[in-house]
Each structure stands twice: as C-alpha cells, then as structure tokens.
C-alpha cells in the first residue's frame, strides 16, 4: 500500500490524539521574503558570471546560480511544510502528514525517545524533548539521525506521553 493510500485509511477513522508540531506553521509573507532572497542571490551568481565576459565563467556561474536557487527553494519548501501537519493517532494508525503514515498492523514496537541534538539545528528549545520512534515491518520512519518525528517537531508533554502509552497498549504494540 502506498503512503498516500495509508494516509487516507488512517485519517478516515476517528482521531484519538492529535499533537501539533512545535515548528511554526507556514507564513506566506515569510515564504515570499525567503524566495525573493534566494532569487536575488541566484541572480547575483548569474550576473557575476556575465560581467567577467569569459564564456566558461559565465556558464559556470549561471549553472551555480541555477543549482543554488533550486536547492534552496526545495529546502525552504520542505522547511515551511514541516509545521503544517499535526501528528494524528487514529483507530487505524498514525499519520504525520505526507511524511509518515502507518497502520497499527504494520507497527512492531515503539519507543519514547529523548531528542536533544536537534536544539543545535533549531537554535532554541524547539528541537528538544520527548518524541516518538517506531519500528515497523518496513523501516520507513527512521532516518540516519534516528527517528523522523523529532525532525518534524513532534514532542510530547507528560499527559500526551501517558496517552500515547495507553494508545499503543490498546492496540497491543510493545514498548522498546
């Protein structure tokens, strides 16, 4: 089953718990400012190459500007979308927007993990706290850094942790 189909199945059943991402929701004005800054920087690369008059440098700078601009726009788009979707626990599974969608039958076990290292990347306390890690039949939710849930900004307070434990126990999922 594709991730998109799993998401439809998960979200078609009643919600048990919903946890908002700590990361800010997308702001259209900020998005436009960032995109404009990237476009101006990419344009500066291209114009810098043109002013030299050397064909090889023009081509290299133009290509650098295009690659830089494209990479930055993709990264900014991903960054802005991470706070857009809540982590949702339903009767049929777990959904974290388009990123993670797992059915209860596919989840082998879970762990509540302490994520401290993301504070270095978020420049604050947003990336620090207790989050979730899943072991599934197909390892789709883990990254080389560990779990994807802290990366997306999903952290639990004490009440939410208790509720998460109850939910997993209800569906017979063991804790690591």
Foldseek 3Di string as FASTA:
>chain_A
DDLVVLVCVQVVFDFDDKFAFLADAADVVVLVVQLVVLLVVLVCLQVVQVVVVDPVSNVVSNVVSVVSSVVSNVVSVVSNCLRVFIWTQGPFFIDGDSQDGDGLVFWQAKEFDFFDVCCVVVVHCQLTATDMATDGPDRRQADPVGGCTSVSRGHDDPVVVVSVVVSCVVSPHYYD
